[in-house]
């Protein structure tokens, strides 16, 4: 049974910030539109996605490590202000 997943197992992705594996549903998908990183809550935007924990700590690590340009195979820096605003807003809304 090599190479098969267990029935009912949820997909996992790696956080580009802390580099830990987590359930896809626990991570925030980020896509690149133009030269900006945009949060994709519903997971429906087209294109390559990068995943990050919805925490400022992981987002900061991803920015410092230049993980987004590497994940998207982009040249040069990408804007992450929109993602930071989204993460801060969702952190405040959580109890």
PDB file of N, CA and C in Angstrom:
ATOM      1  N   UNK A   1       0.825  -1.177   0.000  1.00  0.00           N
ATOM      2  CA  UNK A   1       0.000   0.000   0.000  1.00  0.00           C
ATOM      3  C   UNK A   1       0.873   1.245   0.000  1.00  0.00           C
ATOM      4  N   UNK A   2       1.912   1.205  -0.704  1.00  0.00           N
ATOM      5  CA  UNK A   2       2.859   2.300  -0.786  1.00  0.00           C
ATOM      6  C   UNK A   2       2.312   3.457  -1.618  1.00  0.00           C
ATOM      7  N   UNK A   3       2.489   4.688  -1.108  1.00  0.00           N
ATOM      8  CA  UNK A   3       2.094   5.867  -1.863  1.00  0.00           C
ATOM      9  C   UNK A   3       0.633   6.243  -1.754  1.00  0.00           C
ATOM     10  N   UNK A   4      -0.133   5.534  -0.967  1.00  0.00           N
ATOM     11  CA  UNK A   4      -1.558   5.839  -0.823  1.00  0.00           C
ATOM     12  C   UNK A   4      -1.813   6.470   0.538  1.00  0.00           C
ATOM     13  N   UNK A   5      -2.801   7.346   0.562  1.00  0.00           N
ATOM     14  CA  UNK A   5      -3.167   7.970   1.828  1.00  0.00           C
ATOM     15  C   UNK A   5      -4.276   7.172   2.490  1.00  0.00           C
ATOM     16  N   UNK A   6      -4.446   7.382   3.759  1.00  0.00           N
ATOM     17  CA  UNK A   6      -5.497   6.701   4.499  1.00  0.00           C
ATOM     18  C   UNK A   6      -6.854   7.289   4.130  1.00  0.00           C
ATOM     19  N   UNK A   7      -7.863   6.478   4.164  1.00  0.00           N
ATOM     20  CA  UNK A   7      -9.219   6.940   3.878  1.00  0.00           C
ATOM     21  C   UNK A   7      -9.610   7.961   4.937  1.00  0.00           C
ATOM     22  N   UNK A   8     -10.122   9.107   4.494  1.00  0.00           N
ATOM     23  CA  UNK A   8     -10.560  10.134   5.429  1.00  0.00           C
ATOM     24  C   UNK A   8      -9.455  11.068   5.889  1.00  0.00           C
ATOM     25  N   UNK A   9      -8.241  10.878   5.429  1.00  0.00           N
ATOM     26  CA  UNK A   9      -7.173  11.773   5.850  1.00  0.00           C
ATOM     27  C   UNK A   9      -7.315  13.112   5.139  1.00  0.00           C
ATOM     28  N   UNK A  10      -6.970  14.179   5.839  1.00  0.00           N
ATOM     29  CA  UNK A  10      -7.100  15.500   5.230  1.00  0.00           C
ATOM     30  C   UNK A  10      -5.770  15.885   4.587  1.00  0.00           C
ATOM     31  N   UNK A  11      -5.830  16.674   3.524  1.00  0.00           N
ATOM     32  CA  UNK A  11      -4.596  17.070   2.857  1.00  0.00           C
ATOM     33  C   UNK A  11      -3.744  17.966   3.752  1.00  0.00           C
ATOM     34  N   UNK A  12      -2.445  17.811   3.644  1.00  0.00           N
ATOM     35  CA  UNK A  12      -1.514  18.630   4.415  1.00  0.00           C
ATOM     36  C   UNK A  12      -0.715  19.523   3.481  1.00  0.00           C
ATOM     37  N   UNK A  13      -0.341  20.673   3.995  1.00  0.00           N
ATOM     38  CA  UNK A  13       0.519  21.604   3.280  1.00  0.00           C
ATOM     39  C   UNK A  13       1.580  22.092   4.264  1.00  0.00           C
ATOM     40  N   UNK A  14       2.644  22.698   3.731  1.00  0.00           N
ATOM     41  CA  UNK A  14       3.698  23.229   4.571  1.00  0.00           C
ATOM     42  C   UNK A  14       3.594  24.744   4.643  1.00  0.00           C
ATOM     43  N   UNK A  15       3.681  25.278   5.841  1.00  0.00           N
ATOM     44  CA  UNK A  15       3.691  26.721   6.050  1.00  0.00           C
ATOM     45  C   UNK A  15       5.037  27.252   5.552  1.00  0.00           C
ATOM     46  N   UNK A  16       5.005  28.255   4.661  1.00  0.00           N
ATOM     47  CA  UNK A  16       6.257  28.789   4.119  1.00  0.00           C
ATOM     48  C   UNK A  16       6.984  29.654   5.143  1.00  0.00           C
ATOM     49  N   UNK A  17       6.315  29.983   6.262  1.00  0.00           N
ATOM     50  CA  UNK A  17       6.949  30.772   7.316  1.00  0.00           C
ATOM     51  C   UNK A  17       7.745  29.904   8.261  1.00  0.00           C
ATOM     52  N   UNK A  18       7.038  29.065   9.024  1.00  0.00           N
ATOM     53  CA  UNK A  18       7.704  28.237  10.036  1.00  0.00           C
ATOM     54  C   UNK A  18       8.148  26.884   9.498  1.00  0.00           C
ATOM     55  N   UNK A  19       7.726  26.542   8.274  1.00  0.00           N
ATOM     56  CA  UNK A  19       8.091  25.313   7.587  1.00  0.00           C
ATOM     57  C   UNK A  19       7.551  24.064   8.285  1.00  0.00           C
ATOM     58  N   UNK A  20       6.469  24.195   9.043  1.00  0.00           N
ATOM     59  CA  UNK A  20       5.828  23.047   9.667  1.00  0.00           C
ATOM     60  C   UNK A  20       4.659  22.590   8.808  1.00  0.00           C
ATOM     61  N   UNK A  21       4.407  21.290   8.806  1.00  0.00           N
ATOM     62  CA  UNK A  21       3.270  20.738   8.064  1.00  0.00           C
ATOM     63  C   UNK A  21       2.027  20.865   8.927  1.00  0.00           C
ATOM     64  N   UNK A  22       0.917  21.192   8.264  1.00  0.00           N
ATOM     65  CA  UNK A  22      -0.357  21.324   8.973  1.00  0.00           C
ATOM     66  C   UNK A  22      -1.474  20.967   8.004  1.00  0.00           C
ATOM     67  N   UNK A  23      -2.647  20.757   8.543  1.00  0.00           N
ATOM     68  CA  UNK A  23      -3.814  20.480   7.710  1.00  0.00           C
ATOM     69  C   UNK A  23      -4.077  21.693   6.824  1.00  0.00           C
ATOM     70  N   UNK A  24      -4.446  21.427   5.605  1.00  0.00           N
ATOM     71  CA  UNK A  24      -4.701  22.495   4.640  1.00  0.00           C
ATOM     72  C   UNK A  24      -5.738  23.482   5.169  1.00  0.00           C
ATOM     73  N   UNK A  25      -6.723  22.971   5.896  1.00  0.00           N
ATOM     74  CA  UNK A  25      -7.785  23.830   6.429  1.00  0.00           C
ATOM     75  C   UNK A  25      -7.296  24.765   7.534  1.00  0.00           C
ATOM     76  N   UNK A  26      -6.150  24.479   8.147  1.00  0.00           N
ATOM     77  CA  UNK A  26      -5.600  25.322   9.210  1.00  0.00           C
ATOM     78  C   UNK A  26      -4.698  26.423   8.673  1.00  0.00           C
ATOM     79  N   UNK A  27      -4.411  26.392   7.389  1.00  0.00           N
ATOM     80  CA  UNK A  27      -3.493  27.359   6.791  1.00  0.00           C
ATOM     81  C   UNK A  27      -4.239  28.338   5.893  1.00  0.00           C
ATOM     82  N   UNK A  28      -3.627  29.488   5.665  1.00  0.00           N
ATOM     83  CA  UNK A  28      -4.174  30.503   4.769  1.00  0.00           C
ATOM     84  C   UNK A  28      -3.462  30.394   3.434  1.00  0.00           C
ATOM     85  N   UNK A  29      -4.230  30.263   2.364  1.00  0.00           N
ATOM     86  CA  UNK A  29      -3.647  30.178   1.019  1.00  0.00           C
ATOM     87  C   UNK A  29      -3.386  31.598   0.514  1.00  0.00           C
ATOM     88  N   UNK A  30      -2.215  31.799  -0.038  1.00  0.00           N
ATOM     89  CA  UNK A  30      -1.807  33.089  -0.601  1.00  0.00           C
ATOM     90  C   UNK A  30      -1.550  32.875  -2.085  1.00  0.00           C
ATOM     91  N   UNK A  31      -2.038  33.797  -2.921  1.00  0.00           N
ATOM     92  CA  UNK A  31      -1.759  33.756  -4.351  1.00  0.00           C
ATOM     93  C   UNK A  31      -1.129  35.079  -4.758  1.00  0.00           C
ATOM     94  N   UNK A  32      -0.471  35.061  -5.899  1.00  0.00           N
ATOM     95  CA  UNK A  32       0.181  36.262  -6.412  1.00  0.00           C
ATOM     96  C   UNK A  32      -0.673  36.846  -7.535  1.00  0.00           C
ATOM     97  N   UNK A  33      -1.030  38.112  -7.394  1.00  0.00           N
ATOM     98  CA  UNK A  33      -1.737  38.843  -8.442  1.00  0.00           C
ATOM     99  C   UNK A  33      -0.899  40.070  -8.741  1.00  0.00           C
ATOM    100  N   UNK A  34      -0.338  40.111  -9.945  1.00  0.00           N
ATOM    101  CA  UNK A  34       0.604  41.185 -10.282  1.00  0.00           C
ATOM    102  C   UNK A  34       1.863  41.004  -9.466  1.00  0.00           C
ATOM    103  N   UNK A  35       2.200  42.010  -8.672  1.00  0.00           N
ATOM    104  CA  UNK A  35       3.367  41.892  -7.785  1.00  0.00           C
ATOM    105  C   UNK A  35       2.934  41.950  -6.328  1.00  0.00           C
ATOM    106  N   UNK A  36       1.687  41.569  -6.074  1.00  0.00           N
ATOM    107  CA  UNK A  36       1.137  41.580  -4.713  1.00  0.00           C
ATOM    108  C   UNK A  36       0.734  40.175  -4.292  1.00  0.00           C
ATOM    109  N   UNK A  37       0.949  39.871  -3.035  1.00  0.00           N
ATOM    110  CA  UNK A  37       0.438  38.640  -2.435  1.00  0.00           C
ATOM    111  C   UNK A  37      -0.961  38.941  -1.917  1.00  0.00           C
ATOM    112  N   UNK A  38      -1.909  38.068  -2.240  1.00  0.00           N
ATOM    113  CA  UNK A  38      -3.309  38.278  -1.892  1.00  0.00           C
ATOM    114  C   UNK A  38      -3.814  37.054  -1.129  1.00  0.00           C
ATOM    115  N   UNK A  39      -4.510  37.268   0.008  1.00  0.00           N
ATOM    116  CA  UNK A  39      -5.075  36.126   0.729  1.00  0.00           C
ATOM    117  C   UNK A  39      -6.236  35.516  -0.050  1.00  0.00           C
ATOM    118  N   UNK A  40      -6.315  34.199  -0.021  1.00  0.00           N
ATOM    119  CA  UNK A  40      -7.360  33.465  -0.730  1.00  0.00           C
ATOM    120  C   UNK A  40      -8.096  32.584   0.282  1.00  0.00           C
ATOM    121  N   UNK A  41      -9.049  33.174   0.996  1.00  0.00           N
ATOM    122  CA  UNK A  41      -9.781  32.460   2.047  1.00  0.00           C
ATOM    123  C   UNK A  41     -10.519  31.238   1.530  1.00  0.00           C
ATOM    124  N   UNK A  42     -11.170  31.368   0.396  1.00  0.00           N
ATOM    125  CA  UNK A  42     -11.989  30.275  -0.117  1.00  0.00           C
ATOM    126  C   UNK A  42     -11.189  29.260  -0.917  1.00  0.00           C
ATOM    127  N   UNK A  43      -9.955  29.593  -1.291  1.00  0.00           N
ATOM    128  CA  UNK A  43      -9.128  28.655  -2.048  1.00  0.00           C
ATOM    129  C   UNK A  43      -9.561  28.497  -3.489  1.00  0.00           C
ATOM    130  N   UNK A  44     -10.168  29.532  -4.065  1.00  0.00           N
ATOM    131  CA  UNK A  44     -10.698  29.430  -5.422  1.00  0.00           C
ATOM    132  C   UNK A  44      -9.977  30.306  -6.436  1.00  0.00           C
ATOM    133  N   UNK A  45      -9.068  31.160  -5.988  1.00  0.00           N
ATOM    134  CA  UNK A  45      -8.364  32.017  -6.941  1.00  0.00           C
ATOM    135  C   UNK A  45      -7.418  31.175  -7.789  1.00  0.00           C
ATOM    136  N   UNK A  46      -7.283  31.536  -9.060  1.00  0.00           N
ATOM    137  CA  UNK A  46      -6.425  30.736  -9.940  1.00  0.00           C
ATOM    138  C   UNK A  46      -4.939  30.967  -9.658  1.00  0.00           C
ATOM    139  N   UNK A  47      -4.153  30.013 -10.054  1.00  0.00           N
ATOM    140  CA  UNK A  47      -2.703  30.145  -9.970  1.00  0.00           C
ATOM    141  C   UNK A  47      -2.101  29.356  -8.828  1.00  0.00           C
ATOM    142  N   UNK A  48      -0.787  29.443  -8.779  1.00  0.00           N
ATOM    143  CA  UNK A  48      -0.005  28.752  -7.754  1.00  0.00           C
ATOM    144  C   UNK A  48      -0.316  29.363  -6.395  1.00  0.00           C
ATOM    145  N   UNK A  49      -0.394  28.525  -5.384  1.00  0.00           N
ATOM    146  CA  UNK A  49      -0.664  29.004  -4.034  1.00  0.00           C
ATOM    147  C   UNK A  49       0.473  28.671  -3.089  1.00  0.00           C
ATOM    148  N   UNK A  50       0.655  29.538  -2.108  1.00  0.00           N
ATOM    149  CA  UNK A  50       1.592  29.288  -1.021  1.00  0.00           C
ATOM    150  C   UNK A  50       0.771  29.329   0.258  1.00  0.00           C
ATOM    151  N   UNK A  51       1.127  28.532   1.226  1.00  0.00           N
ATOM    152  CA  UNK A  51       0.340  28.421   2.447  1.00  0.00           C
ATOM    153  C   UNK A  51       1.137  28.927   3.637  1.00  0.00           C
ATOM    154  N   UNK A  52       0.424  29.609   4.542  1.00  0.00           N
ATOM    155  CA  UNK A  52       1.045  30.155   5.742  1.00  0.00           C
ATOM    156  C   UNK A  52       0.023  30.069   6.879  1.00  0.00           C
ATOM    157  N   UNK A  53       0.521  29.845   8.107  1.00  0.00           N
ATOM    158  CA  UNK A  53      -0.381  29.889   9.254  1.00  0.00           C
ATOM    159  C   UNK A  53      -0.944  31.302   9.356  1.00  0.00           C
ATOM    160  N   UNK A  54      -2.211  31.460   9.702  1.00  0.00           N
ATOM    161  CA  UNK A  54      -2.781  32.803   9.819  1.00  0.00           C
ATOM    162  C   UNK A  54      -2.345  33.494  11.108  1.00  0.00           C
ATOM    163  N   UNK A  55      -1.035  33.667  11.247  1.00  0.00           N
ATOM    164  CA  UNK A  55      -0.440  34.304  12.419  1.00  0.00           C
ATOM    165  C   UNK A  55       0.646  35.277  11.944  1.00  0.00           C
ATOM    166  N   UNK A  56       0.743  36.396  12.624  1.00  0.00           N
ATOM    167  CA  UNK A  56       1.719  37.420  12.236  1.00  0.00           C
ATOM    168  C   UNK A  56       3.140  36.867  12.323  1.00  0.00           C
ATOM    169  N   UNK A  57       3.395  35.983  13.279  1.00  0.00           N
ATOM    170  CA  UNK A  57       4.736  35.410  13.454  1.00  0.00           C
ATOM    171  C   UNK A  57       5.161  34.644  12.204  1.00  0.00           C
ATOM    172  N   UNK A  58       4.301  33.784  11.710  1.00  0.00           N
ATOM    173  CA  UNK A  58       4.637  32.993  10.521  1.00  0.00           C
ATOM    174  C   UNK A  58       4.741  33.866   9.277  1.00  0.00           C
ATOM    175  N   UNK A  59       3.868  34.851   9.167  1.00  0.00           N
ATOM    176  CA  UNK A  59       3.926  35.761   8.020  1.00  0.00           C
ATOM    177  C   UNK A  59       5.231  36.542   8.035  1.00  0.00           C
ATOM    178  N   UNK A  60       5.647  37.005   9.214  1.00  0.00           N
ATOM    179  CA  UNK A  60       6.905  37.742   9.341  1.00  0.00           C
ATOM    180  C   UNK A  60       8.093  36.861   8.957  1.00  0.00           C
ATOM    181  N   UNK A  61       8.083  35.605   9.393  1.00  0.00           N
ATOM    182  CA  UNK A  61       9.155  34.672   9.017  1.00  0.00           C
ATOM    183  C   UNK A  61       9.203  34.467   7.509  1.00  0.00           C
ATOM    184  N   UNK A  62       8.038  34.330   6.891  1.00  0.00           N
ATOM    185  CA  UNK A  62       7.980  34.123   5.439  1.00  0.00           C
ATOM    186  C   UNK A  62       8.538  35.330   4.695  1.00  0.00           C
ATOM    187  N   UNK A  63       8.222  36.529   5.162  1.00  0.00           N
ATOM    188  CA  UNK A  63       8.722  37.745   4.507  1.00  0.00           C
ATOM    189  C   UNK A  63      10.236  37.853   4.689  1.00  0.00           C
ATOM    190  N   UNK A  64      10.715  37.619   5.914  1.00  0.00           N
ATOM    191  CA  UNK A  64      12.160  37.728   6.166  1.00  0.00           C
ATOM    192  C   UNK A  64      12.965  36.693   5.390  1.00  0.00           C
ATOM    193  N   UNK A  65      12.401  35.504   5.205  1.00  0.00           N
ATOM    194  CA  UNK A  65      13.097  34.438   4.471  1.00  0.00           C
ATOM    195  C   UNK A  65      12.901  34.540   2.956  1.00  0.00           C
ATOM    196  N   UNK A  66      12.138  35.543   2.519  1.00  0.00           N
ATOM    197  CA  UNK A  66      11.818  35.726   1.090  1.00  0.00           C
ATOM    198  C   UNK A  66      11.157  34.466   0.519  1.00  0.00           C
ATOM    199  N   UNK A  67      10.257  33.892   1.307  1.00  0.00           N
ATOM    200  CA  UNK A  67       9.613  32.638   0.918  1.00  0.00           C
ATOM    201  C   UNK A  67       8.574  32.823  -0.177  1.00  0.00           C
ATOM    202  N   UNK A  68       7.890  33.963  -0.210  1.00  0.00           N
ATOM    203  CA  UNK A  68       6.846  34.149  -1.215  1.00  0.00           C
ATOM    204  C   UNK A  68       7.402  34.253  -2.633  1.00  0.00           C
ATOM    205  N   UNK A  69       8.433  35.076  -2.879  1.00  0.00           N
ATOM    206  CA  UNK A  69       8.986  35.081  -4.247  1.00  0.00           C
ATOM    207  C   UNK A  69       9.506  33.706  -4.674  1.00  0.00           C
ATOM    208  N   UNK A  70      10.063  32.959  -3.747  1.00  0.00           N
ATOM    209  CA  UNK A  70      10.563  31.622  -4.061  1.00  0.00           C
ATOM    210  C   UNK A  70       9.404  30.673  -4.359  1.00  0.00           C
ATOM    211  N   UNK A  71       8.357  30.734  -3.556  1.00  0.00           N
ATOM    212  CA  UNK A  71       7.212  29.836  -3.746  1.00  0.00           C
ATOM    213  C   UNK A  71       6.491  30.119  -5.069  1.00  0.00           C
ATOM    214  N   UNK A  72       6.426  31.399  -5.442  1.00  0.00           N
ATOM    215  CA  UNK A  72       5.730  31.775  -6.670  1.00  0.00           C
ATOM    216  C   UNK A  72       6.657  31.834  -7.882  1.00  0.00           C
ATOM    217  N   UNK A  73       7.930  31.560  -7.651  1.00  0.00           N
ATOM    218  CA  UNK A  73       8.932  31.623  -8.721  1.00  0.00           C
ATOM    219  C   UNK A  73       8.931  32.993  -9.381  1.00  0.00           C
ATOM    220  N   UNK A  74       8.872  34.018  -8.543  1.00  0.00           N
ATOM    221  CA  UNK A  74       8.817  35.409  -9.024  1.00  0.00           C
ATOM    222  C   UNK A  74      10.180  36.072  -8.842  1.00  0.00           C
ATOM    223  N   UNK A  75      10.412  37.055  -9.658  1.00  0.00           N
ATOM    224  CA  UNK A  75      11.651  37.827  -9.533  1.00  0.00           C
ATOM    225  C   UNK A  75      11.340  39.109  -8.767  1.00  0.00           C
ATOM    226  N   UNK A  76      12.167  39.412  -7.806  1.00  0.00           N
ATOM    227  CA  UNK A  76      11.994  40.634  -7.038  1.00  0.00           C
ATOM    228  C   UNK A  76      11.031  40.472  -5.880  1.00  0.00           C
ATOM    229  N   UNK A  77      10.944  41.510  -5.061  1.00  0.00           N
ATOM    230  CA  UNK A  77      10.085  41.447  -3.875  1.00  0.00           C
ATOM    231  C   UNK A  77       8.603  41.539  -4.243  1.00  0.00           C
ATOM    232  N   UNK A  78       7.773  40.987  -3.379  1.00  0.00           N
ATOM    233  CA  UNK A  78       6.324  41.032  -3.555  1.00  0.00           C
ATOM    234  C   UNK A  78       5.705  41.796  -2.388  1.00  0.00           C
ATOM    235  N   UNK A  79       4.645  42.516  -2.663  1.00  0.00           N
ATOM    236  CA  UNK A  79       3.953  43.254  -1.617  1.00  0.00           C
ATOM    237  C   UNK A  79       3.136  42.319  -0.738  1.00  0.00           C
ATOM    238  N   UNK A  80       3.255  42.480   0.567  1.00  0.00           N
ATOM    239  CA  UNK A  80       2.533  41.610   1.497  1.00  0.00           C
ATOM    240  C   UNK A  80       1.657  42.400   2.458  1.00  0.00           C
ATOM    241  N   UNK A  81       1.456  43.677   2.204  1.00  0.00           N
ATOM    242  CA  UNK A  81       0.667  44.513   3.113  1.00  0.00           C
ATOM    243  C   UNK A  81      -0.774  44.015   3.231  1.00  0.00           C
ATOM    244  N   UNK A  82      -1.375  43.595   2.141  1.00  0.00           N
ATOM    245  CA  UNK A  82      -2.744  43.099   2.168  1.00  0.00           C
ATOM    246  C   UNK A  82      -2.883  41.834   2.999  1.00  0.00           C
ATOM    247  N   UNK A  83      -1.899  40.958   2.900  1.00  0.00           N
ATOM    248  CA  UNK A  83      -1.922  39.710   3.674  1.00  0.00           C
ATOM    249  C   UNK A  83      -1.748  40.028   5.158  1.00  0.00           C
ATOM    250  N   UNK A  84      -0.836  40.934   5.477  1.00  0.00           N
ATOM    251  CA  UNK A  84      -0.612  41.324   6.874  1.00  0.00           C
ATOM    252  C   UNK A  84      -1.885  41.914   7.467  1.00  0.00           C
ATOM    253  N   UNK A  85      -2.548  42.787   6.725  1.00  0.00           N
ATOM    254  CA  UNK A  85      -3.797  43.393   7.197  1.00  0.00           C
ATOM    255  C   UNK A  85      -4.851  42.310   7.436  1.00  0.00           C
ATOM    256  N   UNK A  86      -4.962  41.360   6.527  1.00  0.00           N
ATOM    257  CA  UNK A  86      -5.934  40.266   6.650  1.00  0.00           C
ATOM    258  C   UNK A  86      -5.641  39.412   7.887  1.00  0.00           C
ATOM    259  N   UNK A  87      -4.384  39.072   8.112  1.00  0.00           N
ATOM    260  CA  UNK A  87      -4.000  38.229   9.249  1.00  0.00           C
ATOM    261  C   UNK A  87      -4.252  38.970  10.562  1.00  0.00           C
ATOM    262  N   UNK A  88      -3.917  40.249  10.611  1.00  0.00           N
ATOM    263  CA  UNK A  88      -4.147  41.021  11.832  1.00  0.00           C
ATOM    264  C   UNK A  88      -5.637  41.141  12.135  1.00  0.00           C
ATOM    265  N   UNK A  89      -6.446  41.342  11.100  1.00  0.00           N
ATOM    266  CA  UNK A  89      -7.893  41.485  11.260  1.00  0.00           C
ATOM    267  C   UNK A  89      -8.512  40.176  11.761  1.00  0.00           C
ATOM    268  N   UNK A  90      -8.072  39.035  11.208  1.00  0.00           N
ATOM    269  CA  UNK A  90      -8.637  37.756  11.638  1.00  0.00           C
ATOM    270  C   UNK A  90      -8.147  37.391  13.035  1.00  0.00           C
ATOM    271  N   UNK A  91      -6.937  37.816  13.404  1.00  0.00           N
ATOM    272  CA  UNK A  91      -6.432  37.542  14.755  1.00  0.00           C
ATOM    273  C   UNK A  91      -7.231  38.322  15.802  1.00  0.00           C
ATOM    274  N   UNK A  92      -7.641  39.530  15.465  1.00  0.00           N
ATOM    275  CA  UNK A  92      -8.440  40.334  16.393  1.00  0.00           C
ATOM    276  C   UNK A  92      -9.848  39.786  16.526  1.00  0.00           C
ATOM    277  N   UNK A  93     -10.382  39.212  15.439  1.00  0.00           N
ATOM    278  CA  UNK A  93     -11.746  38.692  15.469  1.00  0.00           C
ATOM    279  C   UNK A  93     -11.849  37.382  16.228  1.00  0.00           C
ATOM    280  N   UNK A  94     -10.734  36.635  16.313  1.00  0.00           N
ATOM    281  CA  UNK A  94     -10.746  35.355  17.025  1.00  0.00           C
ATOM    282  C   UNK A  94     -10.817  35.599  18.527  1.00  0.00           C
ATOM    283  N   UNK A  95     -11.563  34.765  19.260  1.00  0.00           N
ATOM    284  CA  UNK A  95     -11.689  34.957  20.714  1.00  0.00           C
ATOM    285  C   UNK A  95     -10.441  34.636  21.468  1.00  0.00           C
TER     286      UNK A  95
END
